[in-house]
Amino acid sequence: MVEIHPKEPMAMCPMASMCRGLAEKPPSRLLLMIPGLVLILVGVLILLEPKVLIWLMATVAILLGILFLIIANFIHLISGQFRSAHST
């Protein structure tokens, strides 16, 4: 049976050291604000120049297409390994 000490209630958790490190030294406030500031900037840019929305949608479509091709290739490789491992 594992004893849990009051000072370390998460001694068994493998992520405890990482979580403890984040609690002791949280990320910079500016680092946490960057995504919000970028979204506000993109929103203002879309309001000022609506063509930006079309470019953003096209970029997302292209990136999703590339992602789907990569996933399809990965699944093809894994299925080939699976078939070769179970065909013997």
C-alpha atoms as a PDB file:
ATOM      1  CA  MET A   1       0.000   0.000   0.000  1.00  0.00           C
ATOM      2  CA  VAL A   2       1.306   3.441  -0.915  1.00  0.00           C
ATOM      3  CA  GLU A   3       1.462   6.084   1.778  1.00  0.00           C
ATOM      4  CA  ILE A   4       0.688   9.626   0.733  1.00  0.00           C
ATOM      5  CA  HIS A   5       2.443  12.323   2.680  1.00  0.00           C
ATOM      6  CA  PRO A   6       0.504  15.503   3.494  1.00  0.00           C
ATOM      7  CA  LYS A   7       3.156  17.680   1.832  1.00  0.00           C
ATOM      8  CA  GLU A   8       2.883  15.783  -1.453  1.00  0.00           C
ATOM      9  CA  PRO A   9      -0.702  14.629  -2.046  1.00  0.00           C
ATOM     10  CA  MET A  10       0.025  13.902  -5.709  1.00  0.00           C
ATOM     11  CA  ALA A  11       3.186  11.846  -5.186  1.00  0.00           C
ATOM     12  CA  MET A  12       1.882   9.048  -7.421  1.00  0.00           C
ATOM     13  CA  CYS A  13       0.929  11.308 -10.324  1.00  0.00           C
ATOM     14  CA  PRO A  14       3.607  11.461 -13.059  1.00  0.00           C
ATOM     15  CA  MET A  15       2.498  14.972 -14.018  1.00  0.00           C
ATOM     16  CA  ALA A  16       2.806  16.282 -10.449  1.00  0.00           C
ATOM     17  CA  SER A  17       6.313  17.661 -10.901  1.00  0.00           C
ATOM     18  CA  MET A  18       5.330  19.539 -14.047  1.00  0.00           C
ATOM     19  CA  CYS A  19       2.178  20.927 -12.426  1.00  0.00           C
ATOM     20  CA  ARG A  20       4.165  21.943  -9.364  1.00  0.00           C
ATOM     21  CA  GLY A  21       6.649  23.763 -11.586  1.00  0.00           C
ATOM     22  CA  LEU A  22       3.852  25.651 -13.347  1.00  0.00           C
ATOM     23  CA  ALA A  23       2.289  26.595 -10.013  1.00  0.00           C
ATOM     24  CA  GLU A  24       5.572  27.890  -8.620  1.00  0.00           C
ATOM     25  CA  LYS A  25       6.503  29.831 -11.771  1.00  0.00           C
ATOM     26  CA  PRO A  26       3.401  30.602 -13.834  1.00  0.00           C
ATOM     27  CA  PRO A  27       3.817  31.657 -17.479  1.00  0.00           C
ATOM     28  CA  SER A  28       4.273  35.330 -18.192  1.00  0.00           C
ATOM     29  CA  ARG A  29       1.075  37.378 -18.218  1.00  0.00           C
ATOM     30  CA  LEU A  30       2.018  38.798 -21.611  1.00  0.00           C
ATOM     31  CA  LEU A  31       2.456  35.293 -23.002  1.00  0.00           C
ATOM     32  CA  LEU A  32      -1.088  34.454 -21.909  1.00  0.00           C
ATOM     33  CA  MET A  33      -2.480  37.668 -23.454  1.00  0.00           C
ATOM     34  CA  ILE A  34      -0.940  37.207 -26.925  1.00  0.00           C
ATOM     35  CA  PRO A  35      -3.697  34.915 -28.348  1.00  0.00           C
ATOM     36  CA  GLY A  36      -6.410  37.360 -27.268  1.00  0.00           C
ATOM     37  CA  LEU A  37      -4.561  40.314 -28.731  1.00  0.00           C
ATOM     38  CA  VAL A  38      -4.012  38.467 -32.020  1.00  0.00           C
ATOM     39  CA  LEU A  39      -7.720  37.594 -32.260  1.00  0.00           C
ATOM     40  CA  ILE A  40      -8.704  41.222 -31.601  1.00  0.00           C
ATOM     41  CA  LEU A  41      -6.244  42.394 -34.258  1.00  0.00           C
ATOM     42  CA  VAL A  42      -7.593  39.881 -36.799  1.00  0.00           C
ATOM     43  CA  GLY A  43     -11.170  40.944 -36.006  1.00  0.00           C
ATOM     44  CA  VAL A  44     -10.356  44.619 -36.532  1.00  0.00           C
ATOM     45  CA  LEU A  45      -8.491  43.774 -39.725  1.00  0.00           C
ATOM     46  CA  ILE A  46     -11.528  41.865 -41.036  1.00  0.00           C
ATOM     47  CA  LEU A  47     -13.787  44.831 -40.213  1.00  0.00           C
ATOM     48  CA  LEU A  48     -11.477  47.229 -42.044  1.00  0.00           C
ATOM     49  CA  GLU A  49     -10.741  44.989 -45.018  1.00  0.00           C
ATOM     50  CA  PRO A  50     -13.284  42.143 -45.503  1.00  0.00           C
ATOM     51  CA  LYS A  51     -11.071  40.506 -48.160  1.00  0.00           C
ATOM     52  CA  VAL A  52      -8.852  39.336 -45.282  1.00  0.00           C
ATOM     53  CA  LEU A  53     -11.627  36.940 -44.215  1.00  0.00           C
ATOM     54  CA  ILE A  54     -11.533  35.269 -47.614  1.00  0.00           C
ATOM     55  CA  TRP A  55      -7.750  34.880 -47.376  1.00  0.00           C
ATOM     56  CA  LEU A  56      -8.053  33.437 -43.863  1.00  0.00           C
ATOM     57  CA  MET A  57     -10.695  30.949 -44.981  1.00  0.00           C
ATOM     58  CA  ALA A  58      -8.567  29.913 -47.968  1.00  0.00           C
ATOM     59  CA  THR A  59      -5.527  29.464 -45.725  1.00  0.00           C
ATOM     60  CA  VAL A  60      -7.484  27.332 -43.268  1.00  0.00           C
ATOM     61  CA  ALA A  61      -8.872  25.202 -46.105  1.00  0.00           C
ATOM     62  CA  ILE A  62      -5.393  24.621 -47.538  1.00  0.00           C
ATOM     63  CA  LEU A  63      -3.915  23.774 -44.130  1.00  0.00           C
ATOM     64  CA  LEU A  64      -6.772  21.376 -43.349  1.00  0.00           C
ATOM     65  CA  GLY A  65      -6.295  19.712 -46.732  1.00  0.00           C
ATOM     66  CA  ILE A  66      -2.590  19.220 -46.027  1.00  0.00           C
ATOM     67  CA  LEU A  67      -3.402  17.905 -42.546  1.00  0.00           C
ATOM     68  CA  PHE A  68      -5.897  15.378 -43.969  1.00  0.00           C
ATOM     69  CA  LEU A  69      -3.307  14.168 -46.499  1.00  0.00           C
ATOM     70  CA  ILE A  70      -0.737  13.694 -43.724  1.00  0.00           C
ATOM     71  CA  ILE A  71      -3.260  11.807 -41.567  1.00  0.00           C
ATOM     72  CA  ALA A  72      -4.286   9.606 -44.517  1.00  0.00           C
ATOM     73  CA  ASN A  73      -0.646   8.775 -45.222  1.00  0.00           C
ATOM     74  CA  PHE A  74      -0.040   7.966 -41.556  1.00  0.00           C
ATOM     75  CA  ILE A  75      -3.078   5.662 -41.418  1.00  0.00           C
ATOM     76  CA  HIS A  76      -1.936   3.952 -44.641  1.00  0.00           C
ATOM     77  CA  LEU A  77       1.526   3.300 -43.142  1.00  0.00           C
ATOM     78  CA  ILE A  78       0.100   2.009 -39.867  1.00  0.00           C
ATOM     79  CA  SER A  79      -2.379  -0.287 -41.626  1.00  0.00           C
ATOM     80  CA  GLY A  80       0.433  -1.683 -43.803  1.00  0.00           C
ATOM     81  CA  GLN A  81       2.516  -2.437 -40.709  1.00  0.00           C
ATOM     82  CA  PHE A  82      -0.507  -3.990 -39.036  1.00  0.00           C
ATOM     83  CA  ARG A  83      -1.237  -6.203 -42.045  1.00  0.00           C
ATOM     84  CA  SER A  84       2.390  -7.325 -42.373  1.00  0.00           C
ATOM     85  CA  ALA A  85       2.616  -8.098 -38.656  1.00  0.00           C
ATOM     86  CA  HIS A  86      -0.547 -10.225 -38.661  1.00  0.00           C
ATOM     87  CA  SER A  87      -0.098 -11.966 -42.027  1.00  0.00           C
ATOM     88  CA  THR A  88       2.596 -14.361 -40.796  1.00  0.00           C
END
